[in-house]
């Protein structure tokens, strides 16, 4: 709801298989993924999306897991950032804006 109110187009998937298929079909700019998914965790979803989507798609991990090891694991899986629930709406908006700026100017991101 927060993303929609901020003017973002939002598509929801209830489980990882449909989420991966949807992301590949609609070619999103940013994907927000919960890490604690049943069946396949969000880390593996991110790995699959990094292979199946165009370069530069922003991946945001959203999780109740907030230890430094969780953050490291998220970055290693291909996420751009790791946010801990409950996420502050202003912080999420700032992260999205930062990813969008990087997408407009890839030289702003060292891995590009």
PDB file of N, CA and C in Angstrom:
ATOM      1  N   UNK A   1       0.818  -1.177   0.000  1.00  0.00           N
ATOM      2  CA  UNK A   1       0.000   0.000   0.000  1.00  0.00           C
ATOM      3  C   UNK A   1       0.877   1.261   0.000  1.00  0.00           C
ATOM      4  N   UNK A   2       1.950   1.250   0.798  1.00  0.00           N
ATOM      5  CA  UNK A   2       2.836   2.412   0.854  1.00  0.00           C
ATOM      6  C   UNK A   2       3.473   2.690  -0.505  1.00  0.00           C
ATOM      7  N   UNK A   3       3.865   1.637  -1.185  1.00  0.00           N
ATOM      8  CA  UNK A   3       4.498   1.808  -2.494  1.00  0.00           C
ATOM      9  C   UNK A   3       3.507   2.376  -3.507  1.00  0.00           C
ATOM     10  N   UNK A   4       2.283   1.915  -3.465  1.00  0.00           N
ATOM     11  CA  UNK A   4       1.256   2.420  -4.367  1.00  0.00           C
ATOM     12  C   UNK A   4       0.952   3.885  -4.077  1.00  0.00           C
ATOM     13  N   UNK A   5       0.816   4.232  -2.796  1.00  0.00           N
ATOM     14  CA  UNK A   5       0.547   5.618  -2.423  1.00  0.00           C
ATOM     15  C   UNK A   5       1.675   6.556  -2.847  1.00  0.00           C
ATOM     16  N   UNK A   6       2.894   6.018  -2.923  1.00  0.00           N
ATOM     17  CA  UNK A   6       4.034   6.823  -3.347  1.00  0.00           C
ATOM     18  C   UNK A   6       4.140   6.924  -4.866  1.00  0.00           C
ATOM     19  N   UNK A   7       3.171   6.347  -5.589  1.00  0.00           N
ATOM     20  CA  UNK A   7       3.149   6.467  -7.042  1.00  0.00           C
ATOM     21  C   UNK A   7       3.843   5.351  -7.787  1.00  0.00           C
ATOM     22  N   UNK A   8       4.209   4.279  -7.092  1.00  0.00           N
ATOM     23  CA  UNK A   8       4.863   3.145  -7.742  1.00  0.00           C
ATOM     24  C   UNK A   8       3.824   2.154  -8.248  1.00  0.00           C
ATOM     25  N   UNK A   9       4.082   1.566  -9.400  1.00  0.00           N
ATOM     26  CA  UNK A   9       3.253   0.469  -9.878  1.00  0.00           C
ATOM     27  C   UNK A   9       3.646  -0.776  -9.110  1.00  0.00           C
ATOM     28  N   UNK A  10       2.688  -1.482  -8.563  1.00  0.00           N
ATOM     29  CA  UNK A  10       2.981  -2.624  -7.703  1.00  0.00           C
ATOM     30  C   UNK A  10       2.248  -3.860  -8.209  1.00  0.00           C
ATOM     31  N   UNK A  11       2.975  -4.954  -8.303  1.00  0.00           N
ATOM     32  CA  UNK A  11       2.408  -6.263  -8.606  1.00  0.00           C
ATOM     33  C   UNK A  11       2.779  -7.175  -7.440  1.00  0.00           C
ATOM     34  N   UNK A  12       1.842  -7.970  -6.975  1.00  0.00           N
ATOM     35  CA  UNK A  12       2.083  -8.862  -5.846  1.00  0.00           C
ATOM     36  C   UNK A  12       2.045 -10.306  -6.290  1.00  0.00           C
ATOM     37  N   UNK A  13       2.922 -11.107  -5.672  1.00  0.00           N
ATOM     38  CA  UNK A  13       2.900 -12.552  -5.882  1.00  0.00           C
ATOM     39  C   UNK A  13       2.864 -13.199  -4.504  1.00  0.00           C
ATOM     40  N   UNK A  14       1.979 -14.165  -4.327  1.00  0.00           N
ATOM     41  CA  UNK A  14       1.797 -14.804  -3.028  1.00  0.00           C
ATOM     42  C   UNK A  14       2.856 -15.853  -2.723  1.00  0.00           C
ATOM     43  N   UNK A  15       3.519 -16.359  -3.739  1.00  0.00           N
ATOM     44  CA  UNK A  15       4.540 -17.380  -3.520  1.00  0.00           C
ATOM     45  C   UNK A  15       5.639 -17.253  -4.557  1.00  0.00           C
ATOM     46  N   UNK A  16       6.779 -17.871  -4.267  1.00  0.00           N
ATOM     47  CA  UNK A  16       7.962 -17.651  -5.094  1.00  0.00           C
ATOM     48  C   UNK A  16       7.822 -18.092  -6.547  1.00  0.00           C
ATOM     49  N   UNK A  17       7.175 -19.226  -6.886  1.00  0.00           N
ATOM     50  CA  UNK A  17       7.142 -19.577  -8.318  1.00  0.00           C
ATOM     51  C   UNK A  17       6.438 -18.512  -9.158  1.00  0.00           C
ATOM     52  N   UNK A  18       5.284 -18.042  -8.666  1.00  0.00           N
ATOM     53  CA  UNK A  18       4.561 -17.030  -9.435  1.00  0.00           C
ATOM     54  C   UNK A  18       5.298 -15.695  -9.410  1.00  0.00           C
ATOM     55  N   UNK A  19       6.027 -15.413  -8.335  1.00  0.00           N
ATOM     56  CA  UNK A  19       6.814 -14.178  -8.267  1.00  0.00           C
ATOM     57  C   UNK A  19       7.936 -14.152  -9.294  1.00  0.00           C
ATOM     58  N   UNK A  20       8.632 -15.265  -9.434  1.00  0.00           N
ATOM     59  CA  UNK A  20       9.712 -15.348 -10.429  1.00  0.00           C
ATOM     60  C   UNK A  20       9.137 -15.221 -11.836  1.00  0.00           C
ATOM     61  N   UNK A  21       8.050 -15.941 -12.114  1.00  0.00           N
ATOM     62  CA  UNK A  21       7.415 -15.862 -13.436  1.00  0.00           C
ATOM     63  C   UNK A  21       6.942 -14.442 -13.733  1.00  0.00           C
ATOM     64  N   UNK A  22       6.314 -13.804 -12.750  1.00  0.00           N
ATOM     65  CA  UNK A  22       5.806 -12.454 -12.945  1.00  0.00           C
ATOM     66  C   UNK A  22       6.953 -11.481 -13.220  1.00  0.00           C
ATOM     67  N   UNK A  23       8.004 -11.573 -12.437  1.00  0.00           N
ATOM     68  CA  UNK A  23       9.138 -10.665 -12.625  1.00  0.00           C
ATOM     69  C   UNK A  23       9.744 -10.828 -14.015  1.00  0.00           C
ATOM     70  N   UNK A  24       9.847 -12.059 -14.485  1.00  0.00           N
ATOM     71  CA  UNK A  24      10.403 -12.290 -15.813  1.00  0.00           C
ATOM     72  C   UNK A  24       9.469 -11.780 -16.902  1.00  0.00           C
ATOM     73  N   UNK A  25       8.166 -11.796 -16.644  1.00  0.00           N
ATOM     74  CA  UNK A  25       7.192 -11.362 -17.649  1.00  0.00           C
ATOM     75  C   UNK A  25       7.052  -9.846 -17.723  1.00  0.00           C
ATOM     76  N   UNK A  26       7.121  -9.152 -16.582  1.00  0.00           N
ATOM     77  CA  UNK A  26       6.847  -7.715 -16.601  1.00  0.00           C
ATOM     78  C   UNK A  26       8.098  -6.851 -16.623  1.00  0.00           C
ATOM     79  N   UNK A  27       9.267  -7.441 -16.419  1.00  0.00           N
ATOM     80  CA  UNK A  27      10.526  -6.692 -16.492  1.00  0.00           C
ATOM     81  C   UNK A  27      10.514  -5.474 -15.548  1.00  0.00           C
ATOM     82  N   UNK A  28      10.448  -5.723 -14.225  1.00  0.00           N
ATOM     83  CA  UNK A  28      10.337  -4.629 -13.265  1.00  0.00           C
ATOM     84  C   UNK A  28      11.639  -3.859 -13.090  1.00  0.00           C
ATOM     85  N   UNK A  29      11.523  -2.669 -12.560  1.00  0.00           N
ATOM     86  CA  UNK A  29      12.713  -1.892 -12.224  1.00  0.00           C
ATOM     87  C   UNK A  29      13.272  -2.286 -10.874  1.00  0.00           C
ATOM     88  N   UNK A  30      12.358  -2.621  -9.946  1.00  0.00           N
ATOM     89  CA  UNK A  30      12.734  -2.992  -8.585  1.00  0.00           C
ATOM     90  C   UNK A  30      11.839  -4.134  -8.123  1.00  0.00           C
ATOM     91  N   UNK A  31      12.440  -5.086  -7.397  1.00  0.00           N
ATOM     92  CA  UNK A  31      11.693  -6.193  -6.816  1.00  0.00           C
ATOM     93  C   UNK A  31      11.993  -6.218  -5.317  1.00  0.00           C
ATOM     94  N   UNK A  32      10.926  -6.245  -4.507  1.00  0.00           N
ATOM     95  CA  UNK A  32      11.063  -6.368  -3.058  1.00  0.00           C
ATOM     96  C   UNK A  32      10.712  -7.811  -2.704  1.00  0.00           C
ATOM     97  N   UNK A  33      11.625  -8.484  -2.004  1.00  0.00           N
ATOM     98  CA  UNK A  33      11.463  -9.907  -1.727  1.00  0.00           C
ATOM     99  C   UNK A  33      11.595 -10.169  -0.231  1.00  0.00           C
ATOM    100  N   UNK A  34      10.620 -10.871   0.326  1.00  0.00           N
ATOM    101  CA  UNK A  34      10.712 -11.329   1.712  1.00  0.00           C
ATOM    102  C   UNK A  34      11.691 -12.508   1.739  1.00  0.00           C
ATOM    103  N   UNK A  35      12.565 -12.542   2.717  1.00  0.00           N
ATOM    104  CA  UNK A  35      13.547 -13.628   2.786  1.00  0.00           C
ATOM    105  C   UNK A  35      12.963 -14.923   3.332  1.00  0.00           C
ATOM    106  N   UNK A  36      11.968 -14.827   4.200  1.00  0.00           N
ATOM    107  CA  UNK A  36      11.417 -16.013   4.850  1.00  0.00           C
ATOM    108  C   UNK A  36      10.281 -16.641   4.092  1.00  0.00           C
ATOM    109  N   UNK A  37      10.546 -17.099   2.898  1.00  0.00           N
ATOM    110  CA  UNK A  37       9.515 -17.725   2.067  1.00  0.00           C
ATOM    111  C   UNK A  37       9.501 -19.235   2.278  1.00  0.00           C
ATOM    112  N   UNK A  38       8.328 -19.854   2.240  1.00  0.00           N
ATOM    113  CA  UNK A  38       8.281 -21.316   2.325  1.00  0.00           C
ATOM    114  C   UNK A  38       8.734 -21.950   1.011  1.00  0.00           C
ATOM    115  N   UNK A  39       9.411 -23.060   1.113  1.00  0.00           N
ATOM    116  CA  UNK A  39       9.837 -23.794  -0.082  1.00  0.00           C
ATOM    117  C   UNK A  39      11.170 -23.339  -0.619  1.00  0.00           C
ATOM    118  N   UNK A  40      11.272 -22.103  -1.017  1.00  0.00           N
ATOM    119  CA  UNK A  40      12.522 -21.529  -1.515  1.00  0.00           C
ATOM    120  C   UNK A  40      12.692 -20.185  -0.816  1.00  0.00           C
ATOM    121  N   UNK A  41      13.811 -20.004  -0.150  1.00  0.00           N
ATOM    122  CA  UNK A  41      13.979 -18.741   0.568  1.00  0.00           C
ATOM    123  C   UNK A  41      14.252 -17.589  -0.396  1.00  0.00           C
ATOM    124  N   UNK A  42      14.119 -16.389   0.108  1.00  0.00           N
ATOM    125  CA  UNK A  42      14.308 -15.196  -0.709  1.00  0.00           C
ATOM    126  C   UNK A  42      15.704 -15.068  -1.292  1.00  0.00           C
ATOM    127  N   UNK A  43      16.691 -15.650  -0.611  1.00  0.00           N
ATOM    128  CA  UNK A  43      18.060 -15.611  -1.134  1.00  0.00           C
ATOM    129  C   UNK A  43      18.133 -16.334  -2.478  1.00  0.00           C
ATOM    130  N   UNK A  44      17.516 -17.518  -2.546  1.00  0.00           N
ATOM    131  CA  UNK A  44      17.530 -18.286  -3.798  1.00  0.00           C
ATOM    132  C   UNK A  44      16.676 -17.607  -4.868  1.00  0.00           C
ATOM    133  N   UNK A  45      15.576 -16.994  -4.467  1.00  0.00           N
ATOM    134  CA  UNK A  45      14.758 -16.245  -5.423  1.00  0.00           C
ATOM    135  C   UNK A  45      15.605 -15.143  -6.051  1.00  0.00           C
ATOM    136  N   UNK A  46      16.376 -14.429  -5.226  1.00  0.00           N
ATOM    137  CA  UNK A  46      17.241 -13.360  -5.743  1.00  0.00           C
ATOM    138  C   UNK A  46      18.271 -13.909  -6.719  1.00  0.00           C
ATOM    139  N   UNK A  47      18.874 -15.037  -6.374  1.00  0.00           N
ATOM    140  CA  UNK A  47      19.870 -15.639  -7.287  1.00  0.00           C
ATOM    141  C   UNK A  47      19.232 -15.960  -8.640  1.00  0.00           C
ATOM    142  N   UNK A  48      18.030 -16.527  -8.607  1.00  0.00           N
ATOM    143  CA  UNK A  48      17.358 -16.876  -9.866  1.00  0.00           C
ATOM    144  C   UNK A  48      16.980 -15.624 -10.655  1.00  0.00           C
ATOM    145  N   UNK A  49      16.539 -14.582  -9.961  1.00  0.00           N
ATOM    146  CA  UNK A  49      16.176 -13.356 -10.670  1.00  0.00           C
ATOM    147  C   UNK A  49      17.404 -12.674 -11.262  1.00  0.00           C
ATOM    148  N   UNK A  50      18.528 -12.717 -10.580  1.00  0.00           N
ATOM    149  CA  UNK A  50      19.749 -12.105 -11.121  1.00  0.00           C
ATOM    150  C   UNK A  50      20.147 -12.774 -12.428  1.00  0.00           C
ATOM    151  N   UNK A  51      19.876 -14.053 -12.563  1.00  0.00           N
ATOM    152  CA  UNK A  51      20.189 -14.777 -13.796  1.00  0.00           C
ATOM    153  C   UNK A  51      19.136 -14.503 -14.862  1.00  0.00           C
ATOM    154  N   UNK A  52      17.855 -14.396 -14.450  1.00  0.00           N
ATOM    155  CA  UNK A  52      16.761 -14.323 -15.414  1.00  0.00           C
ATOM    156  C   UNK A  52      16.306 -12.934 -15.812  1.00  0.00           C
ATOM    157  N   UNK A  53      16.735 -11.894 -15.090  1.00  0.00           N
ATOM    158  CA  UNK A  53      16.296 -10.531 -15.406  1.00  0.00           C
ATOM    159  C   UNK A  53      17.436  -9.722 -15.999  1.00  0.00           C
ATOM    160  N   UNK A  54      17.079  -8.608 -16.627  1.00  0.00           N
ATOM    161  CA  UNK A  54      18.095  -7.729 -17.202  1.00  0.00           C
ATOM    162  C   UNK A  54      18.993  -7.177 -16.087  1.00  0.00           C
ATOM    163  N   UNK A  55      20.183  -6.825 -16.449  1.00  0.00           N
ATOM    164  CA  UNK A  55      21.115  -6.235 -15.489  1.00  0.00           C
ATOM    165  C   UNK A  55      20.551  -4.903 -15.005  1.00  0.00           C
ATOM    166  N   UNK A  56      20.796  -4.593 -13.774  1.00  0.00           N
ATOM    167  CA  UNK A  56      20.384  -3.305 -13.235  1.00  0.00           C
ATOM    168  C   UNK A  56      19.072  -3.301 -12.489  1.00  0.00           C
ATOM    169  N   UNK A  57      18.334  -4.420 -12.511  1.00  0.00           N
ATOM    170  CA  UNK A  57      17.094  -4.490 -11.740  1.00  0.00           C
ATOM    171  C   UNK A  57      17.468  -4.412 -10.263  1.00  0.00           C
ATOM    172  N   UNK A  58      16.765  -3.563  -9.531  1.00  0.00           N
ATOM    173  CA  UNK A  58      17.024  -3.423  -8.105  1.00  0.00           C
ATOM    174  C   UNK A  58      16.328  -4.514  -7.317  1.00  0.00           C
ATOM    175  N   UNK A  59      17.078  -5.178  -6.435  1.00  0.00           N
ATOM    176  CA  UNK A  59      16.502  -6.199  -5.567  1.00  0.00           C
ATOM    177  C   UNK A  59      16.641  -5.739  -4.123  1.00  0.00           C
ATOM    178  N   UNK A  60      15.519  -5.682  -3.426  1.00  0.00           N
ATOM    179  CA  UNK A  60      15.487  -5.266  -2.029  1.00  0.00           C
ATOM    180  C   UNK A  60      15.025  -6.443  -1.185  1.00  0.00           C
ATOM    181  N   UNK A  61      15.860  -6.847  -0.222  1.00  0.00           N
ATOM    182  CA  UNK A  61      15.477  -7.884   0.731  1.00  0.00           C
ATOM    183  C   UNK A  61      14.707  -7.221   1.862  1.00  0.00           C
ATOM    184  N   UNK A  62      13.565  -7.774   2.193  1.00  0.00           N
ATOM    185  CA  UNK A  62      12.745  -7.279   3.294  1.00  0.00           C
ATOM    186  C   UNK A  62      12.523  -8.450   4.231  1.00  0.00           C
ATOM    187  N   UNK A  63      12.968  -8.305   5.484  1.00  0.00           N
ATOM    188  CA  UNK A  63      12.973  -9.463   6.345  1.00  0.00           C
ATOM    189  C   UNK A  63      12.908  -9.107   7.817  1.00  0.00           C
ATOM    190  N   UNK A  64      12.497 -10.069   8.606  1.00  0.00           N
ATOM    191  CA  UNK A  64      12.585  -9.968  10.052  1.00  0.00           C
ATOM    192  C   UNK A  64      13.957 -10.379  10.539  1.00  0.00           C
ATOM    193  N   UNK A  65      14.761 -10.956   9.650  1.00  0.00           N
ATOM    194  CA  UNK A  65      16.123 -11.375   9.984  1.00  0.00           C
ATOM    195  C   UNK A  65      17.043 -10.175   9.823  1.00  0.00           C
ATOM    196  N   UNK A  66      17.631  -9.715  10.934  1.00  0.00           N
ATOM    197  CA  UNK A  66      18.394  -8.478  10.856  1.00  0.00           C
ATOM    198  C   UNK A  66      19.817  -8.531  11.369  1.00  0.00           C
ATOM    199  N   UNK A  67      20.344  -9.716  11.562  1.00  0.00           N
ATOM    200  CA  UNK A  67      21.722  -9.830  12.034  1.00  0.00           C
ATOM    201  C   UNK A  67      22.689  -9.500  10.895  1.00  0.00           C
ATOM    202  N   UNK A  68      23.921  -9.174  11.252  1.00  0.00           N
ATOM    203  CA  UNK A  68      24.914  -8.825  10.225  1.00  0.00           C
ATOM    204  C   UNK A  68      25.125  -9.982   9.248  1.00  0.00           C
ATOM    205  N   UNK A  69      25.043 -11.228   9.726  1.00  0.00           N
ATOM    206  CA  UNK A  69      25.192 -12.388   8.831  1.00  0.00           C
ATOM    207  C   UNK A  69      24.048 -12.442   7.822  1.00  0.00           C
ATOM    208  N   UNK A  70      22.843 -12.038   8.253  1.00  0.00           N
ATOM    209  CA  UNK A  70      21.699 -12.013   7.334  1.00  0.00           C
ATOM    210  C   UNK A  70      21.902 -10.965   6.249  1.00  0.00           C
ATOM    211  N   UNK A  71      22.412  -9.815   6.632  1.00  0.00           N
ATOM    212  CA  UNK A  71      22.681  -8.748   5.664  1.00  0.00           C
ATOM    213  C   UNK A  71      23.749  -9.181   4.664  1.00  0.00           C
ATOM    214  N   UNK A  72      24.810  -9.789   5.178  1.00  0.00           N
ATOM    215  CA  UNK A  72      25.895 -10.268   4.312  1.00  0.00           C
ATOM    216  C   UNK A  72      25.375 -11.309   3.331  1.00  0.00           C
ATOM    217  N   UNK A  73      24.585 -12.241   3.840  1.00  0.00           N
ATOM    218  CA  UNK A  73      24.034 -13.300   2.993  1.00  0.00           C
ATOM    219  C   UNK A  73      23.137 -12.712   1.901  1.00  0.00           C
ATOM    220  N   UNK A  74      22.379 -11.672   2.241  1.00  0.00           N
ATOM    221  CA  UNK A  74      21.512 -11.019   1.251  1.00  0.00           C
ATOM    222  C   UNK A  74      22.345 -10.376   0.142  1.00  0.00           C
ATOM    223  N   UNK A  75      23.387  -9.672   0.513  1.00  0.00           N
ATOM    224  CA  UNK A  75      24.249  -9.035  -0.499  1.00  0.00           C
ATOM    225  C   UNK A  75      24.925 -10.086  -1.366  1.00  0.00           C
ATOM    226  N   UNK A  76      25.380 -11.184  -0.755  1.00  0.00           N
ATOM    227  CA  UNK A  76      26.022 -12.264  -1.516  1.00  0.00           C
ATOM    228  C   UNK A  76      25.050 -12.919  -2.496  1.00  0.00           C
ATOM    229  N   UNK A  77      23.748 -12.939  -2.144  1.00  0.00           N
ATOM    230  CA  UNK A  77      22.732 -13.547  -3.019  1.00  0.00           C
ATOM    231  C   UNK A  77      22.356 -12.638  -4.187  1.00  0.00           C
ATOM    232  N   UNK A  78      22.797 -11.369  -4.144  1.00  0.00           N
ATOM    233  CA  UNK A  78      22.525 -10.464  -5.260  1.00  0.00           C
ATOM    234  C   UNK A  78      21.599  -9.313  -4.938  1.00  0.00           C
ATOM    235  N   UNK A  79      21.178  -9.195  -3.672  1.00  0.00           N
ATOM    236  CA  UNK A  79      20.341  -8.055  -3.301  1.00  0.00           C
ATOM    237  C   UNK A  79      21.174  -6.780  -3.308  1.00  0.00           C
ATOM    238  N   UNK A  80      20.517  -5.680  -3.618  1.00  0.00           N
ATOM    239  CA  UNK A  80      21.163  -4.372  -3.543  1.00  0.00           C
ATOM    240  C   UNK A  80      21.210  -3.872  -2.109  1.00  0.00           C
ATOM    241  N   UNK A  81      20.175  -4.226  -1.347  1.00  0.00           N
ATOM    242  CA  UNK A  81      20.099  -3.786   0.039  1.00  0.00           C
ATOM    243  C   UNK A  81      19.223  -4.731   0.832  1.00  0.00           C
ATOM    244  N   UNK A  82      19.352  -4.648   2.142  1.00  0.00           N
ATOM    245  CA  UNK A  82      18.618  -5.506   3.079  1.00  0.00           C
ATOM    246  C   UNK A  82      17.924  -4.612   4.093  1.00  0.00           C
ATOM    247  N   UNK A  83      16.599  -4.684   4.152  1.00  0.00           N
ATOM    248  CA  UNK A  83      15.814  -3.884   5.094  1.00  0.00           C
ATOM    249  C   UNK A  83      15.130  -4.803   6.089  1.00  0.00           C
ATOM    250  N   UNK A  84      15.077  -4.352   7.345  1.00  0.00           N
ATOM    251  CA  UNK A  84      14.473  -5.151   8.406  1.00  0.00           C
ATOM    252  C   UNK A  84      13.065  -4.643   8.706  1.00  0.00           C
ATOM    253  N   UNK A  85      12.128  -5.584   8.815  1.00  0.00           N
ATOM    254  CA  UNK A  85      10.747  -5.259   9.162  1.00  0.00           C
ATOM    255  C   UNK A  85      10.669  -4.907  10.645  1.00  0.00           C
ATOM    256  N   UNK A  86       9.786  -4.043  11.021  1.00  0.00           N
ATOM    257  CA  UNK A  86       8.972  -3.212  10.141  1.00  0.00           C
ATOM    258  C   UNK A  86       9.830  -2.097   9.565  1.00  0.00           C
ATOM    259  N   UNK A  87       9.727  -1.893   8.272  1.00  0.00           N
ATOM    260  CA  UNK A  87      10.546  -0.892   7.597  1.00  0.00           C
ATOM    261  C   UNK A  87       9.880   0.477   7.708  1.00  0.00           C
ATOM    262  N   UNK A  88      10.694   1.474   7.958  1.00  0.00           N
ATOM    263  CA  UNK A  88      10.208   2.846   7.995  1.00  0.00           C
ATOM    264  C   UNK A  88       9.851   3.259   6.564  1.00  0.00           C
ATOM    265  N   UNK A  89       8.634   3.747   6.321  1.00  0.00           N
ATOM    266  CA  UNK A  89       8.225   4.113   4.958  1.00  0.00           C
ATOM    267  C   UNK A  89       9.159   5.138   4.309  1.00  0.00           C
ATOM    268  N   UNK A  90       9.653   6.087   5.073  1.00  0.00           N
ATOM    269  CA  UNK A  90      10.569   7.087   4.510  1.00  0.00           C
ATOM    270  C   UNK A  90      11.889   6.455   4.103  1.00  0.00           C
ATOM    271  N   UNK A  91      12.352   5.502   4.894  1.00  0.00           N
ATOM    272  CA  UNK A  91      13.602   4.816   4.551  1.00  0.00           C
ATOM    273  C   UNK A  91      13.419   3.991   3.273  1.00  0.00           C
ATOM    274  N   UNK A  92      12.299   3.269   3.187  1.00  0.00           N
ATOM    275  CA  UNK A  92      12.027   2.484   1.983  1.00  0.00           C
ATOM    276  C   UNK A  92      11.945   3.381   0.762  1.00  0.00           C
ATOM    277  N   UNK A  93      11.277   4.519   0.885  1.00  0.00           N
ATOM    278  CA  UNK A  93      11.196   5.471  -0.237  1.00  0.00           C
ATOM    279  C   UNK A  93      12.580   5.956  -0.639  1.00  0.00           C
ATOM    280  N   UNK A  94      13.429   6.217   0.351  1.00  0.00           N
ATOM    281  CA  UNK A  94      14.798   6.656   0.059  1.00  0.00           C
ATOM    282  C   UNK A  94      15.608   5.587  -0.648  1.00  0.00           C
ATOM    283  N   UNK A  95      15.454   4.338  -0.226  1.00  0.00           N
ATOM    284  CA  UNK A  95      16.164   3.225  -0.871  1.00  0.00           C
ATOM    285  C   UNK A  95      15.704   3.074  -2.315  1.00  0.00           C
ATOM    286  N   UNK A  96      14.404   3.141  -2.541  1.00  0.00           N
ATOM    287  CA  UNK A  96      13.865   3.031  -3.903  1.00  0.00           C
ATOM    288  C   UNK A  96      14.388   4.171  -4.771  1.00  0.00           C
ATOM    289  N   UNK A  97      14.374   5.387  -4.239  1.00  0.00           N
ATOM    290  CA  UNK A  97      14.877   6.534  -5.002  1.00  0.00           C
ATOM    291  C   UNK A  97      16.348   6.366  -5.343  1.00  0.00           C
ATOM    292  N   UNK A  98      17.125   5.839  -4.405  1.00  0.00           N
ATOM    293  CA  UNK A  98      18.552   5.618  -4.646  1.00  0.00           C
ATOM    294  C   UNK A  98      18.769   4.594  -5.766  1.00  0.00           C
ATOM    295  N   UNK A  99      18.003   3.518  -5.748  1.00  0.00           N
ATOM    296  CA  UNK A  99      18.112   2.504  -6.806  1.00  0.00           C
ATOM    297  C   UNK A  99      17.697   3.095  -8.143  1.00  0.00           C
ATOM    298  N   UNK A 100      16.630   3.879  -8.146  1.00  0.00           N
ATOM    299  CA  UNK A 100      16.172   4.495  -9.401  1.00  0.00           C
ATOM    300  C   UNK A 100      17.225   5.460  -9.958  1.00  0.00           C
ATOM    301  N   UNK A 101      17.886   6.221  -9.091  1.00  0.00           N
ATOM    302  CA  UNK A 101      18.962   7.119  -9.565  1.00  0.00           C
ATOM    303  C   UNK A 101      20.100   6.311 -10.165  1.00  0.00           C
ATOM    304  N   UNK A 102      20.451   5.207  -9.528  1.00  0.00           N
ATOM    305  CA  UNK A 102      21.516   4.341 -10.039  1.00  0.00           C
ATOM    306  C   UNK A 102      21.131   3.763 -11.396  1.00  0.00           C
ATOM    307  N   UNK A 103      19.857   3.408 -11.557  1.00  0.00           N
ATOM    308  CA  UNK A 103      19.401   2.849 -12.828  1.00  0.00           C
ATOM    309  C   UNK A 103      19.473   3.876 -13.945  1.00  0.00           C
ATOM    310  N   UNK A 104      19.259   5.145 -13.611  1.00  0.00           N
ATOM    311  CA  UNK A 104      19.343   6.210 -14.603  1.00  0.00           C
ATOM    312  C   UNK A 104      20.788   6.551 -14.929  1.00  0.00           C
ATOM    313  N   UNK A 105      21.693   6.329 -13.973  1.00  0.00           N
ATOM    314  CA  UNK A 105      23.112   6.638 -14.157  1.00  0.00           C
ATOM    315  C   UNK A 105      23.937   5.472 -13.585  1.00  0.00           C
ATOM    316  N   UNK A 106      24.142   4.408 -14.369  1.00  0.00           N
ATOM    317  CA  UNK A 106      24.831   3.218 -13.876  1.00  0.00           C
ATOM    318  C   UNK A 106      26.243   3.484 -13.344  1.00  0.00           C
ATOM    319  N   UNK A 107      26.858   4.580 -13.695  1.00  0.00           N
ATOM    320  CA  UNK A 107      28.201   4.868 -13.180  1.00  0.00           C
ATOM    321  C   UNK A 107      28.176   5.146 -11.680  1.00  0.00           C
ATOM    322  N   UNK A 108      26.973   5.343 -11.107  1.00  0.00           N
ATOM    323  CA  UNK A 108      26.834   5.594  -9.668  1.00  0.00           C
ATOM    324  C   UNK A 108      26.970   4.332  -8.855  1.00  0.00           C
ATOM    325  N   UNK A 109      26.991   3.173  -9.485  1.00  0.00           N
ATOM    326  CA  UNK A 109      27.042   1.898  -8.770  1.00  0.00           C
ATOM    327  C   UNK A 109      28.322   1.177  -9.162  1.00  0.00           C
ATOM    328  N   UNK A 110      29.159   0.808  -8.195  1.00  0.00           N
ATOM    329  CA  UNK A 110      30.452   0.216  -8.505  1.00  0.00           C
ATOM    330  C   UNK A 110      30.406  -1.107  -9.227  1.00  0.00           C
ATOM    331  N   UNK A 111      29.303  -1.864  -9.126  1.00  0.00           N
ATOM    332  CA  UNK A 111      29.278  -3.177  -9.796  1.00  0.00           C
ATOM    333  C   UNK A 111      28.802  -3.079 -11.230  1.00  0.00           C
ATOM    334  N   UNK A 112      28.443  -1.899 -11.692  1.00  0.00           N
ATOM    335  CA  UNK A 112      27.952  -1.748 -13.061  1.00  0.00           C
ATOM    336  C   UNK A 112      29.082  -1.664 -14.051  1.00  0.00           C
TER     337      UNK A 112
END
